[in-house]
Amino acid sequence: MKRAGIGPLESGYRGYTVLNMSIQKTTLVRVSGVVLAIAGLCLIWFQQAGLQAQPPKQPLEVQKVTDHLWVIMNNASGNVAVMPTDEGILLVDDKFEQDGPEILAKVKGVSDKPIKYILNTHQHGDHTGGNAFMLKNTPAEIVIHKNARANMVEGKQPGLPQITFADEAQVFVGGREVSAHHVGRGHTNGDAVILFPTERVLHTGDLFVNGGSPFIDYSAKGSIVEWAKTLDRVLALDFDIVIPGHGPVAKKADLAKWRNSIAELRSRAKTACTGGAAGADKRLNLSGLGMDDSLGFLGRSMAGMCAELANY
C-alpha cells in the first residue's frame, strides 16, 4: 500500500553526554534511586493491569539531541523523539494518555507546526498510551509494526494505529526521511527501531533500556534467545547516537555493550534454569552486566526464559 509521504506499508539511567546538546547537562538526566524505584513500580503496576493503568504523573523534560531532533523524557514512561520540519512534526512514541497535553506543550516549544506522524516502537502502554489523545487532538497518522498492533488489539488497548508495516517503512516529511525497522524479536515480537539517517540517531524502543534490566514480555512473544541476534542486525544500521526506550541518551558503543550483556545474560539464565524455574531468579548471577534488577523485571521474565531456554 502507498500512502502520501510514506513508503511501502501494510494497512491494518546513567548520565551520558551527547555532542551538540545545548540544553543537556549530565545532571539533567541523573536519576535518584528512590525516583527510579517509584518509576519501576509504576511500570509493574501498568503492566499487571493490562498496560492501560497510568502511574502518578511526572513532569516532562526536553533535551536537544541534534540541531533537528529533540527528546521528551521522564522516569515513568518511554522516551519520545521529536523531529520538527517545515511541513510538520514527527514523533516516536507518546507515553501515557495523561502526558498528552504536556507533550503537545513541549512540542510547541520546539515548533508550531502540526504533528503529522507518530511512530510507535512497540505496544506497551508507556509508549502508546498517548495514541488515543493524539488521534483526537492532532492530525497525526500513527505507524506501528503489524505484530505490535495485533498485541494492542488482543490487550484491548485504545489508540490503535492506522498504519502497519512488516519489515521496514519509510516516512518522508519536510524533505527528511525517517525509517522504521523490525529486525527480530527481543522485548516483544513487534519491536521496531526508528532511524533518523540525516541526524545519525536511532531510537531503539525497549530493545535497549539504559541503566536498568531488560523485561522479556513472553505474553507478547518476546525472546531472550533472539534478543542479541536482533541487536546484531540493529547495530548494522548506520548511526552514532542512541535514544533508548528508557534512560539517558547514549552512544552506539553503549548499545553494543548492552548487546553483549544480553548475550551473557542468556548464557547465565540457562545456567540458573538448570535447577528449575522456581528460584532461578535467585540463582541468576548479574555481576558485571551493568543491569540493575532491583525492580524485579528479570524475576518477572524468569519463568518464560527457563521455558524458552529448555529448548535452546
Protein backbone atom coordinates (compact mmCIF):
# COMPACT_ATOMS: atom_id res chain seq x y z
CA MET A 1 0.00 0.00 0.00
CA LYS A 2 1.19 3.55 -0.70
CA ARG A 3 0.33 6.50 1.49
CA ALA A 4 1.23 10.09 0.71
CA GLY A 5 4.65 10.73 2.18
CA ILE A 6 5.02 7.14 3.45
CA GLY A 7 6.99 4.30 1.93
CA PRO A 8 5.58 0.79 1.28
CA LEU A 9 3.33 -0.20 4.17
CA GLU A 10 0.62 -2.63 5.11
CA SER A 11 -2.55 -1.09 6.47
CA GLY A 12 -4.30 -2.53 9.04
CA TYR A 13 19.79 5.61 33.55
CA ARG A 14 23.00 6.94 33.94
CA GLY A 15 24.43 10.32 33.00
CA TYR A 16 25.56 10.43 29.36
CA THR A 17 26.70 13.48 27.47
CA VAL A 18 25.90 13.73 23.75
CA LEU A 19 27.59 16.08 21.31
CA ASN A 20 25.78 19.27 20.26
CA MET A 21 23.29 19.27 23.12
CA SER A 22 22.69 22.90 24.02
CA ILE A 23 20.17 22.05 26.74
CA GLN A 24 21.62 18.92 28.27
CA LYS A 25 23.87 18.82 31.28
CA THR A 26 24.85 15.47 32.72
CA THR A 27 22.93 16.39 35.86
CA LEU A 28 19.75 16.78 33.81
CA VAL A 29 19.47 13.06 33.29
CA ARG A 30 20.73 11.78 36.64
CA VAL A 31 18.03 9.88 38.48
CA SER A 32 17.95 9.12 42.17
CA GLY A 33 17.46 5.54 43.28
CA VAL A 34 14.24 6.49 45.02
CA VAL A 35 12.73 8.06 41.89
CA LEU A 36 13.83 5.09 39.77
CA ALA A 37 12.23 2.71 42.25
CA ILE A 38 8.94 4.61 42.12
CA ALA A 39 9.06 4.68 38.32
CA GLY A 40 9.76 0.96 38.15
CA LEU A 41 6.94 0.11 40.49
CA CYS A 42 4.65 2.22 38.32
CA LEU A 43 5.74 0.23 35.26
CA ILE A 44 5.00 -3.04 37.05
CA TRP A 45 1.60 -1.62 38.02
CA PHE A 46 0.52 -0.75 34.49
CA GLN A 47 1.88 -3.98 33.00
CA GLN A 48 -0.03 -6.08 35.51
CA ALA A 49 -3.16 -4.01 34.84
CA GLY A 50 -3.25 -4.80 31.12
CA LEU A 51 -0.89 -1.97 30.05
CA GLN A 52 -3.59 0.68 30.43
CA ALA A 53 -3.24 1.84 34.05
CA GLN A 54 -1.26 5.04 34.46
CA PRO A 55 1.22 5.77 37.27
CA PRO A 56 1.29 9.08 39.13
CA LYS A 57 2.10 11.80 36.62
CA GLN A 58 5.66 13.08 36.45
CA PRO A 59 6.83 16.31 34.79
CA LEU A 60 8.49 16.09 31.39
CA GLU A 61 11.87 17.45 30.35
CA VAL A 62 13.02 18.36 26.84
CA GLN A 63 16.56 17.62 25.72
CA LYS A 64 18.16 18.63 22.43
CA VAL A 65 19.87 15.70 20.71
CA THR A 66 20.91 17.33 17.40
CA ASP A 67 20.05 20.53 15.57
CA HIS A 68 16.95 18.81 14.18
CA LEU A 69 15.96 16.32 16.88
CA TRP A 70 14.77 16.52 20.49
CA VAL A 71 13.69 14.00 23.12
CA ILE A 72 10.99 14.37 25.78
CA MET A 73 11.82 12.38 28.91
CA ASN A 74 10.74 11.46 32.41
CA ASN A 75 11.29 8.41 34.61
CA ALA A 76 7.80 6.94 34.44
CA SER A 77 7.43 6.21 30.73
CA GLY A 78 9.19 5.81 27.40
CA ASN A 79 11.35 8.42 25.71
CA VAL A 80 9.62 10.48 22.98
CA ALA A 81 11.66 11.66 19.97
CA VAL A 82 10.58 14.91 18.29
CA MET A 83 11.63 15.83 14.74
CA PRO A 84 10.24 19.19 13.55
CA THR A 85 10.22 20.11 9.84
CA ASP A 86 8.74 22.92 7.79
CA GLU A 87 5.93 20.56 6.73
CA GLY A 88 5.08 19.14 10.13
CA ILE A 89 6.38 17.20 13.12
CA LEU A 90 7.17 13.52 13.54
CA LEU A 91 7.14 11.84 16.97
CA VAL A 92 8.40 8.48 18.12
CA ASP A 93 6.11 7.15 20.88
CA ASP A 94 3.79 9.25 23.07
CA LYS A 95 3.97 7.98 26.67
CA PHE A 96 0.70 7.69 28.66
CA GLU A 97 -2.59 9.39 27.81
CA GLN A 98 -2.21 11.69 30.83
CA ASP A 99 1.04 13.00 29.30
CA GLY A 100 -0.65 14.09 26.05
CA PRO A 101 -1.35 17.75 26.90
CA GLU A 102 2.15 18.31 28.28
CA ILE A 103 3.74 16.58 25.28
CA LEU A 104 1.85 18.98 22.99
CA ALA A 105 3.03 21.92 25.07
CA LYS A 106 6.63 20.75 24.97
CA VAL A 107 6.42 20.15 21.22
CA LYS A 108 5.09 23.68 20.70
CA GLY A 109 8.21 24.93 22.44
CA VAL A 110 10.19 23.38 19.60
CA SER A 111 7.86 24.06 16.64
CA ASP A 112 4.39 25.46 15.96
CA LYS A 113 3.82 23.02 13.08
CA PRO A 114 1.21 20.23 13.44
CA ILE A 115 2.16 16.68 14.41
CA LYS A 116 1.82 14.70 11.17
CA TYR A 117 3.19 11.27 12.10
CA ILE A 118 3.78 9.18 15.21
CA LEU A 119 5.87 6.01 15.00
CA ASN A 120 5.34 3.54 17.85
CA THR A 121 8.28 1.32 18.82
CA HIS A 122 6.06 -1.40 20.35
CA GLN A 123 2.68 -1.81 22.04
CA HIS A 124 3.31 -1.21 25.75
CA GLY A 125 1.15 1.48 27.30
CA ASP A 126 4.03 3.71 28.42
CA HIS A 127 4.90 4.11 24.71
CA THR A 128 1.45 4.05 23.06
CA GLY A 129 -0.82 5.28 25.86
CA GLY A 130 -0.92 8.76 24.34
CA ASN A 131 -2.12 7.47 20.95
CA ALA A 132 -5.83 7.99 21.66
CA PHE A 133 -5.22 11.56 22.85
CA MET A 134 -3.10 12.35 19.79
CA LEU A 135 -5.69 10.91 17.40
CA LYS A 136 -8.33 13.17 18.96
CA ASN A 137 -6.26 16.31 19.20
CA THR A 138 -3.84 16.26 16.25
CA PRO A 139 -3.97 15.28 12.56
CA ALA A 140 -1.29 12.63 13.18
CA GLU A 141 -1.23 9.27 11.46
CA ILE A 142 0.26 6.54 13.63
CA VAL A 143 2.53 3.77 12.33
CA ILE A 144 3.42 0.53 14.15
CA HIS A 145 4.68 -2.97 13.36
CA LYS A 146 1.84 -5.34 12.50
CA ASN A 147 2.61 -7.68 15.44
CA ALA A 148 2.57 -4.78 17.88
CA ARG A 149 -0.81 -3.63 16.61
CA ALA A 150 -2.13 -7.18 16.96
CA ASN A 151 -0.84 -7.18 20.55
CA MET A 152 -2.72 -3.93 21.17
CA VAL A 153 -5.91 -5.43 19.78
CA GLU A 154 -5.50 -8.52 21.97
CA GLY A 155 -4.90 -6.32 25.01
CA LYS A 156 -7.92 -4.13 24.17
CA GLN A 157 -5.70 -1.04 24.22
CA PRO A 158 -7.06 2.28 22.96
CA GLY A 159 -5.49 4.40 20.24
CA LEU A 160 -4.93 1.74 17.61
CA PRO A 161 -2.54 2.94 14.88
CA GLN A 162 -3.99 3.35 11.38
CA ILE A 163 -0.94 2.01 9.53
CA THR A 164 1.20 -1.11 9.98
CA PHE A 165 4.31 -2.50 8.33
CA ALA A 166 6.04 -5.87 8.20
CA ASP A 167 9.80 -5.37 7.91
CA GLU A 168 10.54 -1.74 7.09
CA ALA A 169 8.70 1.52 6.44
CA GLN A 170 9.81 4.99 5.45
CA VAL A 171 8.13 8.26 6.30
CA PHE A 172 9.03 11.38 4.34
CA VAL A 173 8.12 14.74 5.84
CA GLY A 174 9.58 18.18 5.17
CA GLY A 175 12.28 16.75 2.94
CA ARG A 176 13.51 14.36 5.65
CA GLU A 177 13.36 10.59 5.76
CA VAL A 178 12.69 8.53 8.88
CA SER A 179 12.71 4.74 8.67
CA ALA A 180 11.22 2.10 10.95
CA HIS A 181 12.86 -1.33 11.05
CA HIS A 182 11.64 -4.61 12.51
CA VAL A 183 14.63 -6.95 12.56
CA GLY A 184 13.58 -9.62 15.05
CA ARG A 185 12.22 -10.45 18.47
CA GLY A 186 13.54 -9.33 21.84
CA HIS A 187 11.47 -7.29 24.27
CA THR A 188 8.35 -8.33 22.28
CA ASN A 189 7.57 -9.79 18.85
CA GLY A 190 6.72 -6.35 17.47
CA ASP A 191 9.75 -4.23 18.34
CA ALA A 192 10.75 -1.52 15.88
CA VAL A 193 13.81 0.72 15.89
CA ILE A 194 13.46 4.15 14.30
CA LEU A 195 16.36 5.57 12.29
CA PHE A 196 16.90 9.27 11.60
CA PRO A 197 19.53 9.00 8.82
CA THR A 198 20.37 12.69 8.47
CA GLU A 199 20.84 13.01 12.23
CA ARG A 200 22.65 9.67 12.60
CA VAL A 201 20.34 8.88 15.53
CA LEU A 202 18.48 5.66 16.35
CA HIS A 203 15.51 5.30 18.73
CA THR A 204 15.59 1.70 19.98
CA GLY A 205 12.39 1.46 21.99
CA ASP A 206 12.79 -1.06 24.81
CA LEU A 207 15.27 -3.23 22.91
CA PHE A 208 17.71 -1.02 24.87
CA VAL A 209 16.99 0.21 28.40
CA ASN A 210 19.83 2.42 29.58
CA GLY A 211 20.51 1.91 33.28
CA GLY A 212 18.15 -0.93 34.12
CA SER A 213 17.46 -4.57 33.33
CA PRO A 214 15.57 -5.98 30.34
CA PHE A 215 11.99 -7.17 30.50
CA ILE A 216 11.21 -10.06 28.17
CA ASP A 217 7.46 -9.91 27.59
CA TYR A 218 6.58 -13.53 26.87
CA SER A 219 2.90 -12.65 26.70
CA ALA A 220 3.89 -10.73 23.54
CA LYS A 221 6.24 -13.48 22.33
CA GLY A 222 9.44 -11.76 23.42
CA SER A 223 12.65 -13.80 23.34
CA ILE A 224 15.90 -13.87 25.31
CA VAL A 225 17.29 -16.31 22.74
CA GLU A 226 16.68 -13.96 19.81
CA TRP A 227 17.35 -10.61 21.53
CA ALA A 228 21.15 -10.44 20.95
CA LYS A 229 20.73 -11.59 17.34
CA THR A 230 18.17 -8.85 16.82
CA LEU A 231 20.59 -6.30 18.23
CA ASP A 232 23.30 -7.53 15.85
CA ARG A 233 21.02 -6.51 12.99
CA VAL A 234 20.24 -3.20 14.69
CA LEU A 235 23.96 -2.45 15.09
CA ALA A 236 24.44 -2.98 11.35
CA LEU A 237 22.43 0.22 10.76
CA ASP A 238 24.32 3.50 10.30
CA PHE A 239 24.02 5.76 13.36
CA ASP A 240 26.11 7.30 16.14
CA ILE A 241 23.64 8.41 18.84
CA VAL A 242 21.02 6.25 20.56
CA ILE A 243 17.75 7.26 22.17
CA PRO A 244 16.88 4.25 24.36
CA GLY A 245 13.38 3.25 25.32
CA HIS A 246 14.13 4.42 28.86
CA GLY A 247 17.07 6.23 30.38
CA PRO A 248 19.62 8.77 29.16
CA VAL A 249 20.62 9.32 25.55
CA ALA A 250 23.69 7.23 24.73
CA LYS A 251 26.19 6.29 22.01
CA LYS A 252 26.35 3.36 19.61
CA ALA A 253 29.13 1.84 21.72
CA ASP A 254 26.74 1.74 24.68
CA LEU A 255 24.23 -0.22 22.62
CA ALA A 256 26.98 -2.65 21.58
CA LYS A 257 27.86 -3.15 25.24
CA TRP A 258 24.18 -3.78 26.05
CA ARG A 259 24.06 -6.37 23.25
CA ASN A 260 26.98 -8.23 24.81
CA SER A 261 25.33 -8.07 28.23
CA ILE A 262 22.12 -9.52 26.77
CA ALA A 263 24.08 -12.41 25.22
CA GLU A 264 25.85 -13.08 28.52
CA LEU A 265 22.53 -12.84 30.37
CA ARG A 266 21.12 -15.55 28.11
CA SER A 267 24.04 -17.83 28.99
CA ARG A 268 23.76 -17.16 32.71
CA ALA A 269 19.98 -17.61 32.66
CA LYS A 270 20.48 -21.01 31.03
CA THR A 271 22.71 -21.98 33.94
CA ALA A 272 20.28 -20.61 36.53
CA CYS A 273 17.42 -22.52 34.94
CA THR A 274 19.14 -25.91 35.19
CA GLY A 275 17.78 -26.18 38.73
CA GLY A 276 14.26 -25.43 37.51
CA ALA A 277 12.32 -22.21 37.11
CA ALA A 278 11.49 -22.00 40.83
CA GLY A 279 14.17 -19.88 42.45
CA ALA A 280 16.07 -19.38 39.18
CA ASP A 281 15.96 -15.61 39.64
CA LYS A 282 17.82 -16.04 42.94
CA ARG A 283 20.47 -18.17 41.21
CA LEU A 284 20.89 -15.75 38.30
CA ASN A 285 24.27 -14.00 38.51
CA LEU A 286 24.12 -10.42 37.21
CA SER A 287 27.61 -9.43 38.33
CA GLY A 288 29.41 -7.25 35.78
CA LEU A 289 26.44 -6.97 33.41
CA GLY A 290 25.54 -3.42 34.38
CA MET A 291 21.91 -4.47 34.86
CA ASP A 292 20.14 -3.21 37.97
CA ASP A 293 17.25 -5.61 38.62
CA SER A 294 16.24 -4.17 41.99
CA LEU A 295 12.78 -3.65 40.49
CA GLY A 296 12.41 -7.32 39.60
CA PHE A 297 11.91 -7.19 35.83
CA LEU A 298 14.16 -10.20 35.23
CA GLY A 299 12.39 -12.04 38.02
CA ARG A 300 9.11 -11.49 36.20
CA SER A 301 10.70 -12.80 32.99
CA MET A 302 12.40 -15.82 34.57
CA ALA A 303 9.72 -18.48 34.08
CA GLY A 304 9.44 -17.57 30.39
CA MET A 305 13.21 -17.57 29.97
CA CYS A 306 13.54 -21.02 31.55
CA ALA A 307 10.82 -22.41 29.30
CA GLU A 308 12.43 -20.93 26.19
CA LEU A 309 15.98 -21.91 27.16
CA ALA A 310 14.93 -25.50 27.84
CA ASN A 311 14.87 -25.98 24.07
CA TYR A 312 17.98 -23.91 23.31
